[in-house]
Amino acid sequence: MNILVFSTSVKQKRQVNKVTTLLTKIPAIAQWNFDLEDCDNILRIEAENLSPRYIERLLIGAGIHCRELEY
């Protein structure tokens, strides 16, 4: 299982709902969560064989800034 961590522009519940709709359709994702208390509005994803670029493109296409964080 890989852990992917992203900085996002998600700040409101309606944005979380939009992301929920997108991410629940991806079978490779085991689980995911947001840390909206963090200044980078962190999205953390646990998944098998999932490209960080795919997630970035998916969210950016939905109007949400998303950038992978190296850790």
PDB file of N, CA and C in Angstrom:
ATOM      1  N   MET A   1       0.855  -1.171   0.000  1.00  0.00           N
ATOM      2  CA  MET A   1       0.000   0.000   0.000  1.00  0.00           C
ATOM      3  C   MET A   1       0.901   1.235   0.000  1.00  0.00           C
ATOM      4  N   ASN A   2       0.610   2.161  -0.883  1.00  0.00           N
ATOM      5  CA  ASN A   2       1.351   3.420  -0.952  1.00  0.00           C
ATOM      6  C   ASN A   2       0.536   4.531  -0.306  1.00  0.00           C
ATOM      7  N   ILE A   3       1.232   5.489   0.268  1.00  0.00           N
ATOM      8  CA  ILE A   3       0.576   6.666   0.837  1.00  0.00           C
ATOM      9  C   ILE A   3       0.975   7.867  -0.001  1.00  0.00           C
ATOM     10  N   LEU A   4      -0.027   8.565  -0.513  1.00  0.00           N
ATOM     11  CA  LEU A   4       0.181   9.779  -1.298  1.00  0.00           C
ATOM     12  C   LEU A   4      -0.325  10.954  -0.479  1.00  0.00           C
ATOM     13  N   VAL A   5       0.434  12.043  -0.471  1.00  0.00           N
ATOM     14  CA  VAL A   5       0.065  13.226   0.309  1.00  0.00           C
ATOM     15  C   VAL A   5       0.072  14.432  -0.620  1.00  0.00           C
ATOM     16  N   PHE A   6      -1.011  15.220  -0.557  1.00  0.00           N
ATOM     17  CA  PHE A   6      -1.175  16.366  -1.440  1.00  0.00           C
ATOM     18  C   PHE A   6      -1.541  17.620  -0.656  1.00  0.00           C
ATOM     19  N   SER A   7      -1.066  18.741  -1.144  1.00  0.00           N
ATOM     20  CA  SER A   7      -1.534  20.050  -0.704  1.00  0.00           C
ATOM     21  C   SER A   7      -2.706  20.391  -1.615  1.00  0.00           C
ATOM     22  N   THR A   8      -3.800  20.907  -1.039  1.00  0.00           N
ATOM     23  CA  THR A   8      -4.978  21.223  -1.856  1.00  0.00           C
ATOM     24  C   THR A   8      -5.534  22.601  -1.499  1.00  0.00           C
ATOM     25  N   SER A   9      -6.495  23.030  -2.302  1.00  0.00           N
ATOM     26  CA  SER A   9      -7.196  24.287  -2.024  1.00  0.00           C
ATOM     27  C   SER A   9      -8.549  24.036  -1.358  1.00  0.00           C
ATOM     28  N   VAL A  10      -8.809  22.810  -0.930  1.00  0.00           N
ATOM     29  CA  VAL A  10     -10.087  22.459  -0.306  1.00  0.00           C
ATOM     30  C   VAL A  10     -10.179  23.105   1.071  1.00  0.00           C
ATOM     31  N   LYS A  11     -11.248  23.879   1.272  1.00  0.00           N
ATOM     32  CA  LYS A  11     -11.439  24.554   2.559  1.00  0.00           C
ATOM     33  C   LYS A  11     -12.852  24.390   3.102  1.00  0.00           C
ATOM     34  N   GLN A  12     -13.791  24.002   2.241  1.00  0.00           N
ATOM     35  CA  GLN A  12     -15.199  23.956   2.640  1.00  0.00           C
ATOM     36  C   GLN A  12     -15.786  22.568   2.426  1.00  0.00           C
ATOM     37  N   LYS A  13     -16.862  22.287   3.159  1.00  0.00           N
ATOM     38  CA  LYS A  13     -17.511  20.980   3.083  1.00  0.00           C
ATOM     39  C   LYS A  13     -17.986  20.668   1.666  1.00  0.00           C
ATOM     40  N   ARG A  14     -18.478  21.656   0.936  1.00  0.00           N
ATOM     41  CA  ARG A  14     -18.955  21.383  -0.427  1.00  0.00           C
ATOM     42  C   ARG A  14     -17.810  20.930  -1.323  1.00  0.00           C
ATOM     43  N   GLN A  15     -16.605  21.434  -1.062  1.00  0.00           N
ATOM     44  CA  GLN A  15     -15.439  20.989  -1.828  1.00  0.00           C
ATOM     45  C   GLN A  15     -15.061  19.557  -1.443  1.00  0.00           C
ATOM     46  N   VAL A  16     -15.159  19.239  -0.156  1.00  0.00           N
ATOM     47  CA  VAL A  16     -14.902  17.867   0.293  1.00  0.00           C
ATOM     48  C   VAL A  16     -15.903  16.925  -0.374  1.00  0.00           C
ATOM     49  N   ASN A  17     -17.161  17.341  -0.463  1.00  0.00           N
ATOM     50  CA  ASN A  17     -18.184  16.522  -1.109  1.00  0.00           C
ATOM     51  C   ASN A  17     -17.851  16.280  -2.580  1.00  0.00           C
ATOM     52  N   LYS A  18     -17.342  17.300  -3.256  1.00  0.00           N
ATOM     53  CA  LYS A  18     -16.955  17.162  -4.662  1.00  0.00           C
ATOM     54  C   LYS A  18     -15.823  16.141  -4.802  1.00  0.00           C
ATOM     55  N   VAL A  19     -14.836  16.227  -3.922  1.00  0.00           N
ATOM     56  CA  VAL A  19     -13.710  15.289  -3.954  1.00  0.00           C
ATOM     57  C   VAL A  19     -14.191  13.876  -3.617  1.00  0.00           C
ATOM     58  N   THR A  20     -15.100  13.762  -2.662  1.00  0.00           N
ATOM     59  CA  THR A  20     -15.657  12.460  -2.293  1.00  0.00           C
ATOM     60  C   THR A  20     -16.257  11.772  -3.509  1.00  0.00           C
ATOM     61  N   THR A  21     -17.026  12.511  -4.284  1.00  0.00           N
ATOM     62  CA  THR A  21     -17.638  11.967  -5.494  1.00  0.00           C
ATOM     63  C   THR A  21     -16.580  11.434  -6.454  1.00  0.00           C
ATOM     64  N   LEU A  22     -15.474  12.144  -6.581  1.00  0.00           N
ATOM     65  CA  LEU A  22     -14.411  11.732  -7.500  1.00  0.00           C
ATOM     66  C   LEU A  22     -13.631  10.526  -6.975  1.00  0.00           C
ATOM     67  N   LEU A  23     -13.221  10.580  -5.714  1.00  0.00           N
ATOM     68  CA  LEU A  23     -12.327   9.551  -5.176  1.00  0.00           C
ATOM     69  C   LEU A  23     -13.015   8.217  -4.903  1.00  0.00           C
ATOM     70  N   THR A  24     -14.296   8.240  -4.573  1.00  0.00           N
ATOM     71  CA  THR A  24     -14.985   6.976  -4.287  1.00  0.00           C
ATOM     72  C   THR A  24     -15.161   6.121  -5.536  1.00  0.00           C
ATOM     73  N   LYS A  25     -14.955   6.694  -6.698  1.00  0.00           N
ATOM     74  CA  LYS A  25     -15.069   5.944  -7.955  1.00  0.00           C
ATOM     75  C   LYS A  25     -13.770   5.238  -8.339  1.00  0.00           C
ATOM     76  N   ILE A  26     -12.718   5.414  -7.556  1.00  0.00           N
ATOM     77  CA  ILE A  26     -11.407   4.845  -7.892  1.00  0.00           C
ATOM     78  C   ILE A  26     -11.161   3.611  -7.021  1.00  0.00           C
ATOM     79  N   PRO A  27     -11.260   2.413  -7.615  1.00  0.00           N
ATOM     80  CA  PRO A  27     -11.126   1.185  -6.821  1.00  0.00           C
ATOM     81  C   PRO A  27      -9.748   0.983  -6.188  1.00  0.00           C
ATOM     82  N   ALA A  28      -8.717   1.595  -6.727  1.00  0.00           N
ATOM     83  CA  ALA A  28      -7.362   1.428  -6.186  1.00  0.00           C
ATOM     84  C   ALA A  28      -7.188   2.107  -4.830  1.00  0.00           C
ATOM     85  N   ILE A  29      -8.095   3.023  -4.485  1.00  0.00           N
ATOM     86  CA  ILE A  29      -7.980   3.759  -3.220  1.00  0.00           C
ATOM     87  C   ILE A  29      -8.598   2.947  -2.085  1.00  0.00           C
ATOM     88  N   ALA A  30      -7.775   2.639  -1.080  1.00  0.00           N
ATOM     89  CA  ALA A  30      -8.251   1.910   0.097  1.00  0.00           C
ATOM     90  C   ALA A  30      -8.946   2.859   1.067  1.00  0.00           C
ATOM     91  N   GLN A  31      -8.328   4.015   1.282  1.00  0.00           N
ATOM     92  CA  GLN A  31      -8.934   5.040   2.135  1.00  0.00           C
ATOM     93  C   GLN A  31      -8.266   6.374   1.875  1.00  0.00           C
ATOM     94  N   TRP A  32      -8.935   7.437   2.285  1.00  0.00           N
ATOM     95  CA  TRP A  32      -8.395   8.780   2.111  1.00  0.00           C
ATOM     96  C   TRP A  32      -9.013   9.685   3.166  1.00  0.00           C
ATOM     97  N   ASN A  33      -8.332  10.808   3.434  1.00  0.00           N
ATOM     98  CA  ASN A  33      -8.875  11.787   4.375  1.00  0.00           C
ATOM     99  C   ASN A  33      -8.235  13.145   4.139  1.00  0.00           C
ATOM    100  N   PHE A  34      -8.898  14.159   4.658  1.00  0.00           N
ATOM    101  CA  PHE A  34      -8.389  15.526   4.615  1.00  0.00           C
ATOM    102  C   PHE A  34      -7.961  15.951   6.003  1.00  0.00           C
ATOM    103  N   ASP A  35      -6.946  16.797   6.066  1.00  0.00           N
ATOM    104  CA  ASP A  35      -6.584  17.505   7.291  1.00  0.00           C
ATOM    105  C   ASP A  35      -6.737  18.984   6.965  1.00  0.00           C
ATOM    106  N   LEU A  36      -7.931  19.509   7.185  1.00  0.00           N
ATOM    107  CA  LEU A  36      -8.204  20.907   6.870  1.00  0.00           C
ATOM    108  C   LEU A  36      -7.703  21.848   7.958  1.00  0.00           C
ATOM    109  N   GLU A  37      -7.206  21.291   9.053  1.00  0.00           N
ATOM    110  CA  GLU A  37      -6.588  22.100  10.104  1.00  0.00           C
ATOM    111  C   GLU A  37      -5.181  22.532   9.688  1.00  0.00           C
ATOM    112  N   ASP A  38      -4.563  21.755   8.809  1.00  0.00           N
ATOM    113  CA  ASP A  38      -3.220  22.056   8.309  1.00  0.00           C
ATOM    114  C   ASP A  38      -3.303  23.219   7.323  1.00  0.00           C
ATOM    115  N   CYS A  39      -2.282  24.064   7.306  1.00  0.00           N
ATOM    116  CA  CYS A  39      -2.288  25.234   6.415  1.00  0.00           C
ATOM    117  C   CYS A  39      -2.283  24.847   4.935  1.00  0.00           C
ATOM    118  N   ASP A  40      -1.871  23.618   4.613  1.00  0.00           N
ATOM    119  CA  ASP A  40      -1.856  23.148   3.222  1.00  0.00           C
ATOM    120  C   ASP A  40      -3.099  22.338   2.858  1.00  0.00           C
ATOM    121  N   ASN A  41      -4.069  22.251   3.772  1.00  0.00           N
ATOM    122  CA  ASN A  41      -5.308  21.498   3.505  1.00  0.00           C
ATOM    123  C   ASN A  41      -4.980  20.132   2.901  1.00  0.00           C
ATOM    124  N   ILE A  42      -4.312  19.327   3.687  1.00  0.00           N
ATOM    125  CA  ILE A  42      -3.719  18.066   3.248  1.00  0.00           C
ATOM    126  C   ILE A  42      -4.769  17.015   2.874  1.00  0.00           C
ATOM    127  N   LEU A  43      -4.544  16.392   1.726  1.00  0.00           N
ATOM    128  CA  LEU A  43      -5.287  15.206   1.307  1.00  0.00           C
ATOM    129  C   LEU A  43      -4.308  14.040   1.377  1.00  0.00           C
ATOM    130  N   ARG A  44      -4.680  13.001   2.128  1.00  0.00           N
ATOM    131  CA  ARG A  44      -3.837  11.811   2.283  1.00  0.00           C
ATOM    132  C   ARG A  44      -4.603  10.631   1.711  1.00  0.00           C
ATOM    133  N   ILE A  45      -3.945   9.884   0.815  1.00  0.00           N
ATOM    134  CA  ILE A  45      -4.585   8.753   0.140  1.00  0.00           C
ATOM    135  C   ILE A  45      -3.737   7.499   0.341  1.00  0.00           C
ATOM    136  N   GLU A  46      -4.385   6.401   0.736  1.00  0.00           N
ATOM    137  CA  GLU A  46      -3.740   5.087   0.770  1.00  0.00           C
ATOM    138  C   GLU A  46      -4.270   4.312  -0.424  1.00  0.00           C
ATOM    139  N   ALA A  47      -3.353   3.861  -1.302  1.00  0.00           N
ATOM    140  CA  ALA A  47      -3.790   3.187  -2.522  1.00  0.00           C
ATOM    141  C   ALA A  47      -2.717   2.260  -3.062  1.00  0.00           C
ATOM    142  N   GLU A  48      -3.146   1.357  -3.917  1.00  0.00           N
ATOM    143  CA  GLU A  48      -2.245   0.469  -4.647  1.00  0.00           C
ATOM    144  C   GLU A  48      -2.160   0.940  -6.087  1.00  0.00           C
ATOM    145  N   ASN A  49      -0.943   1.088  -6.589  1.00  0.00           N
ATOM    146  CA  ASN A  49      -0.716   1.393  -8.008  1.00  0.00           C
ATOM    147  C   ASN A  49      -1.518   2.595  -8.504  1.00  0.00           C
ATOM    148  N   LEU A  50      -1.419   3.699  -7.801  1.00  0.00           N
ATOM    149  CA  LEU A  50      -2.122   4.913  -8.195  1.00  0.00           C
ATOM    150  C   LEU A  50      -1.109   6.026  -8.416  1.00  0.00           C
ATOM    151  N   SER A  51      -1.177   6.645  -9.565  1.00  0.00           N
ATOM    152  CA  SER A  51      -0.241   7.712  -9.913  1.00  0.00           C
ATOM    153  C   SER A  51      -0.641   9.025  -9.239  1.00  0.00           C
ATOM    154  N   PRO A  52       0.292   9.684  -8.580  1.00  0.00           N
ATOM    155  CA  PRO A  52       0.006  10.999  -8.004  1.00  0.00           C
ATOM    156  C   PRO A  52      -0.437  11.991  -9.081  1.00  0.00           C
ATOM    157  N   ARG A  53       0.126  11.872 -10.277  1.00  0.00           N
ATOM    158  CA  ARG A  53      -0.245  12.783 -11.368  1.00  0.00           C
ATOM    159  C   ARG A  53      -1.716  12.614 -11.750  1.00  0.00           C
ATOM    160  N   TYR A  54      -2.201  11.373 -11.671  1.00  0.00           N
ATOM    161  CA  TYR A  54      -3.610  11.111 -11.980  1.00  0.00           C
ATOM    162  C   TYR A  54      -4.517  11.870 -11.005  1.00  0.00           C
ATOM    163  N   ILE A  55      -4.191  11.806  -9.720  1.00  0.00           N
ATOM    164  CA  ILE A  55      -4.979  12.512  -8.701  1.00  0.00           C
ATOM    165  C   ILE A  55      -4.892  14.016  -8.925  1.00  0.00           C
ATOM    166  N   GLU A  56      -3.699  14.525  -9.195  1.00  0.00           N
ATOM    167  CA  GLU A  56      -3.542  15.961  -9.458  1.00  0.00           C
ATOM    168  C   GLU A  56      -4.414  16.391 -10.629  1.00  0.00           C
ATOM    169  N   ARG A  57      -4.354  15.663 -11.737  1.00  0.00           N
ATOM    170  CA  ARG A  57      -5.154  16.021 -12.922  1.00  0.00           C
ATOM    171  C   ARG A  57      -6.647  15.929 -12.637  1.00  0.00           C
ATOM    172  N   LEU A  58      -7.050  14.901 -11.908  1.00  0.00           N
ATOM    173  CA  LEU A  58      -8.456  14.704 -11.573  1.00  0.00           C
ATOM    174  C   LEU A  58      -9.000  15.885 -10.774  1.00  0.00           C
ATOM    175  N   LEU A  59      -8.283  16.276  -9.724  1.00  0.00           N
ATOM    176  CA  LEU A  59      -8.752  17.367  -8.882  1.00  0.00           C
ATOM    177  C   LEU A  59      -8.636  18.718  -9.582  1.00  0.00           C
ATOM    178  N   ILE A  60      -7.550  18.939 -10.293  1.00  0.00           N
ATOM    179  CA  ILE A  60      -7.396  20.203 -11.023  1.00  0.00           C
ATOM    180  C   ILE A  60      -8.509  20.337 -12.059  1.00  0.00           C
ATOM    181  N   GLY A  61      -8.867  19.233 -12.703  1.00  0.00           N
ATOM    182  CA  GLY A  61      -9.975  19.236 -13.661  1.00  0.00           C
ATOM    183  C   GLY A  61     -11.303  19.597 -13.017  1.00  0.00           C
ATOM    184  N   ALA A  62     -11.424  19.359 -11.719  1.00  0.00           N
ATOM    185  CA  ALA A  62     -12.641  19.693 -10.974  1.00  0.00           C
ATOM    186  C   ALA A  62     -12.551  21.079 -10.337  1.00  0.00           C
ATOM    187  N   GLY A  63     -11.480  21.818 -10.652  1.00  0.00           N
ATOM    188  CA  GLY A  63     -11.339  23.174 -10.137  1.00  0.00           C
ATOM    189  C   GLY A  63     -10.693  23.270  -8.765  1.00  0.00           C
ATOM    190  N   ILE A  64     -10.003  22.220  -8.352  1.00  0.00           N
ATOM    191  CA  ILE A  64      -9.364  22.186  -7.036  1.00  0.00           C
ATOM    192  C   ILE A  64      -7.853  22.106  -7.221  1.00  0.00           C
ATOM    193  N   HIS A  65      -7.142  23.057  -6.641  1.00  0.00           N
ATOM    194  CA  HIS A  65      -5.674  23.010  -6.687  1.00  0.00           C
ATOM    195  C   HIS A  65      -5.216  21.759  -5.946  1.00  0.00           C
ATOM    196  N   CYS A  66      -4.254  21.063  -6.518  1.00  0.00           N
ATOM    197  CA  CYS A  66      -3.737  19.842  -5.907  1.00  0.00           C
ATOM    198  C   CYS A  66      -2.294  19.647  -6.343  1.00  0.00           C
ATOM    199  N   ARG A  67      -1.399  19.479  -5.355  1.00  0.00           N
ATOM    200  CA  ARG A  67       0.021  19.285  -5.652  1.00  0.00           C
ATOM    201  C   ARG A  67       0.574  18.253  -4.680  1.00  0.00           C
ATOM    202  N   GLU A  68       1.258  17.254  -5.227  1.00  0.00           N
ATOM    203  CA  GLU A  68       1.845  16.220  -4.374  1.00  0.00           C
ATOM    204  C   GLU A  68       2.938  16.823  -3.502  1.00  0.00           C
ATOM    205  N   LEU A  69       2.959  16.409  -2.250  1.00  0.00           N
ATOM    206  CA  LEU A  69       4.008  16.815  -1.320  1.00  0.00           C
ATOM    207  C   LEU A  69       4.974  15.656  -1.153  1.00  0.00           C
ATOM    208  N   GLU A  70       6.236  15.946  -1.237  1.00  0.00           N
ATOM    209  CA  GLU A  70       7.262  14.935  -1.003  1.00  0.00           C
ATOM    210  C   GLU A  70       7.492  14.828   0.502  1.00  0.00           C
ATOM    211  N   TYR A  71       7.585  13.631   0.995  1.00  0.00           N
ATOM    212  CA  TYR A  71       7.854  13.430   2.428  1.00  0.00           C
ATOM    213  C   TYR A  71       8.880  12.376   2.645  1.00  0.00           C
TER     214      TYR A  71
END
